[in-house]
Amino acid sequence: PIATPQQSVVTRVGSLPLVSSACSIVSSAYTSTKESHPYVHSVCNAAEKGVRTLTAAAVSGAQPILTKLEPQISTANEYACRGLDKLEEKLPILQQPTEK
């Protein structure tokens, strides 16, 4: 796959079958554990709320910096996508789901 200018390396990695199926398995296990244990459910909800709050604060605070660094971020993303192209060529297993 060739990277397009709008494509982020994070999006590409997340869409690899091996990565996405592994994330699904972890997510399923997390949800199952959270639903099965009331104490874990409470702790997880508190942690999730904290992460959402911190993420919102970090994003709003970092936006001016990200705007200024956009050309450098774009260049780094382009190089990372090229590296991912080579990695996908050398490791075809990345295109396989975890079941295989």
C-alpha atoms as a PDB file:
ATOM      1  CA  PRO A   1       0.000   0.000   0.000  1.00  0.00           C
ATOM      2  CA  ILE A   2       1.193   3.454  -0.930  1.00  0.00           C
ATOM      3  CA  ALA A   3       0.597   6.229   1.599  1.00  0.00           C
ATOM      4  CA  THR A   4      -1.541   9.164   0.530  1.00  0.00           C
ATOM      5  CA  PRO A   5      -0.778  12.639   1.904  1.00  0.00           C
ATOM      6  CA  GLN A   6      -3.810  12.539   4.240  1.00  0.00           C
ATOM      7  CA  GLN A   7      -3.019   9.061   5.542  1.00  0.00           C
ATOM      8  CA  SER A   8      -1.568   8.868   9.023  1.00  0.00           C
ATOM      9  CA  VAL A   9       0.856   6.132   9.995  1.00  0.00           C
ATOM     10  CA  VAL A  10      -1.232   5.544  13.134  1.00  0.00           C
ATOM     11  CA  THR A  11      -4.328   4.910  11.001  1.00  0.00           C
ATOM     12  CA  ARG A  12      -2.396   2.580   8.721  1.00  0.00           C
ATOM     13  CA  VAL A  13      -0.959   0.556  11.607  1.00  0.00           C
ATOM     14  CA  GLY A  14      -4.396   0.331  13.214  1.00  0.00           C
ATOM     15  CA  SER A  15      -5.913  -0.958  10.002  1.00  0.00           C
ATOM     16  CA  LEU A  16      -3.417  -3.803   9.569  1.00  0.00           C
ATOM     17  CA  PRO A  17      -5.391  -7.052   9.983  1.00  0.00           C
ATOM     18  CA  LEU A  18      -2.974  -8.441  12.590  1.00  0.00           C
ATOM     19  CA  VAL A  19      -3.097  -5.256  14.677  1.00  0.00           C
ATOM     20  CA  SER A  20      -6.840  -4.676  14.375  1.00  0.00           C
ATOM     21  CA  SER A  21      -7.730  -8.284  15.242  1.00  0.00           C
ATOM     22  CA  ALA A  22      -5.341  -8.219  18.221  1.00  0.00           C
ATOM     23  CA  CYS A  23      -6.954  -4.957  19.410  1.00  0.00           C
ATOM     24  CA  SER A  24     -10.390  -6.568  19.054  1.00  0.00           C
ATOM     25  CA  ILE A  25      -9.310  -9.529  21.187  1.00  0.00           C
ATOM     26  CA  VAL A  26      -7.886  -7.242  23.890  1.00  0.00           C
ATOM     27  CA  SER A  27     -10.973  -5.021  23.794  1.00  0.00           C
ATOM     28  CA  SER A  28     -13.261  -8.029  24.093  1.00  0.00           C
ATOM     29  CA  ALA A  29     -11.291  -9.397  27.049  1.00  0.00           C
ATOM     30  CA  TYR A  30     -11.333  -5.962  28.741  1.00  0.00           C
ATOM     31  CA  THR A  31     -15.096  -5.591  28.278  1.00  0.00           C
ATOM     32  CA  SER A  32     -15.765  -9.135  29.469  1.00  0.00           C
ATOM     33  CA  THR A  33     -13.613  -8.671  32.582  1.00  0.00           C
ATOM     34  CA  LYS A  34     -15.136  -5.286  33.297  1.00  0.00           C
ATOM     35  CA  GLU A  35     -18.683  -6.683  33.040  1.00  0.00           C
ATOM     36  CA  SER A  36     -17.905  -9.778  35.127  1.00  0.00           C
ATOM     37  CA  HIS A  37     -16.377  -8.068  38.160  1.00  0.00           C
ATOM     38  CA  PRO A  38     -18.178  -5.132  39.843  1.00  0.00           C
ATOM     39  CA  TYR A  39     -15.050  -3.817  41.585  1.00  0.00           C
ATOM     40  CA  VAL A  40     -13.027  -3.922  38.358  1.00  0.00           C
ATOM     41  CA  HIS A  41     -15.965  -2.215  36.607  1.00  0.00           C
ATOM     42  CA  SER A  42     -15.820   0.726  39.046  1.00  0.00           C
ATOM     43  CA  VAL A  43     -12.045   1.054  38.805  1.00  0.00           C
ATOM     44  CA  CYS A  44     -12.120   0.871  35.006  1.00  0.00           C
ATOM     45  CA  ASN A  45     -14.871   3.486  34.754  1.00  0.00           C
ATOM     46  CA  ALA A  46     -12.879   5.856  36.971  1.00  0.00           C
ATOM     47  CA  ALA A  47      -9.711   5.257  34.952  1.00  0.00           C
ATOM     48  CA  GLU A  48     -11.545   5.774  31.662  1.00  0.00           C
ATOM     49  CA  LYS A  49     -13.051   9.044  32.898  1.00  0.00           C
ATOM     50  CA  GLY A  50      -9.610  10.245  34.015  1.00  0.00           C
ATOM     51  CA  VAL A  51      -8.063   9.358  30.670  1.00  0.00           C
ATOM     52  CA  ARG A  52     -10.844  11.189  28.791  1.00  0.00           C
ATOM     53  CA  THR A  53     -10.339  14.302  30.936  1.00  0.00           C
ATOM     54  CA  LEU A  54      -6.553  14.256  30.553  1.00  0.00           C
ATOM     55  CA  THR A  55      -6.802  13.645  26.821  1.00  0.00           C
ATOM     56  CA  ALA A  56      -9.205  16.553  26.335  1.00  0.00           C
ATOM     57  CA  ALA A  57      -6.909  18.870  28.309  1.00  0.00           C
ATOM     58  CA  ALA A  58      -3.802  17.677  26.455  1.00  0.00           C
ATOM     59  CA  VAL A  59      -5.414  18.088  23.029  1.00  0.00           C
ATOM     60  CA  SER A  60      -6.668  21.603  23.711  1.00  0.00           C
ATOM     61  CA  GLY A  61      -3.331  22.637  25.226  1.00  0.00           C
ATOM     62  CA  ALA A  62      -1.245  21.087  22.472  1.00  0.00           C
ATOM     63  CA  GLN A  63      -3.261  22.406  19.524  1.00  0.00           C
ATOM     64  CA  PRO A  64      -1.240  25.653  19.069  1.00  0.00           C
ATOM     65  CA  ILE A  65       2.016  23.676  19.173  1.00  0.00           C
ATOM     66  CA  LEU A  66       0.693  21.064  16.747  1.00  0.00           C
ATOM     67  CA  THR A  67      -0.375  23.794  14.331  1.00  0.00           C
ATOM     68  CA  LYS A  68       3.136  25.270  14.342  1.00  0.00           C
ATOM     69  CA  LEU A  69       4.767  21.858  13.953  1.00  0.00           C
ATOM     70  CA  GLU A  70       2.413  20.635  11.214  1.00  0.00           C
ATOM     71  CA  PRO A  71       5.054  20.667   8.428  1.00  0.00           C
ATOM     72  CA  GLN A  72       7.493  18.645  10.565  1.00  0.00           C
ATOM     73  CA  ILE A  73       4.762  16.249  11.668  1.00  0.00           C
ATOM     74  CA  SER A  74       3.694  15.773   8.053  1.00  0.00           C
ATOM     75  CA  THR A  75       7.270  14.990   6.992  1.00  0.00           C
ATOM     76  CA  ALA A  76       7.749  12.540   9.882  1.00  0.00           C
ATOM     77  CA  ASN A  77       4.442  10.861   8.999  1.00  0.00           C
ATOM     78  CA  GLU A  78       5.528  10.521   5.359  1.00  0.00           C
ATOM     79  CA  TYR A  79       8.803   8.830   6.369  1.00  0.00           C
ATOM     80  CA  ALA A  80       6.982   6.580   8.831  1.00  0.00           C
ATOM     81  CA  CYS A  81       4.508   5.528   6.114  1.00  0.00           C
ATOM     82  CA  ARG A  82       7.392   4.686   3.772  1.00  0.00           C
ATOM     83  CA  GLY A  83       8.982   2.609   6.537  1.00  0.00           C
ATOM     84  CA  LEU A  84       5.672   0.853   7.084  1.00  0.00           C
ATOM     85  CA  ASP A  85       5.478   0.085   3.340  1.00  0.00           C
ATOM     86  CA  LYS A  86       8.852  -1.678   3.588  1.00  0.00           C
ATOM     87  CA  LEU A  87       7.872  -3.475   6.792  1.00  0.00           C
ATOM     88  CA  GLU A  88       4.668  -4.756   5.176  1.00  0.00           C
ATOM     89  CA  GLU A  89       6.687  -6.052   2.217  1.00  0.00           C
ATOM     90  CA  LYS A  90       9.129  -7.910   4.483  1.00  0.00           C
ATOM     91  CA  LEU A  91       6.536  -9.201   6.960  1.00  0.00           C
ATOM     92  CA  PRO A  92       3.427 -10.357   5.080  1.00  0.00           C
ATOM     93  CA  ILE A  93       2.151 -11.803   8.366  1.00  0.00           C
ATOM     94  CA  LEU A  94       1.010  -8.257   9.225  1.00  0.00           C
ATOM     95  CA  GLN A  95      -1.769  -8.738   6.702  1.00  0.00           C
ATOM     96  CA  GLN A  96      -3.051 -11.868   8.485  1.00  0.00           C
ATOM     97  CA  PRO A  97      -5.538 -11.788  11.373  1.00  0.00           C
ATOM     98  CA  THR A  98      -4.413 -13.202  14.703  1.00  0.00           C
ATOM     99  CA  GLU A  99      -6.400 -16.423  14.135  1.00  0.00           C
ATOM    100  CA  LYS A 100      -4.023 -17.383  11.320  1.00  0.00           C
END
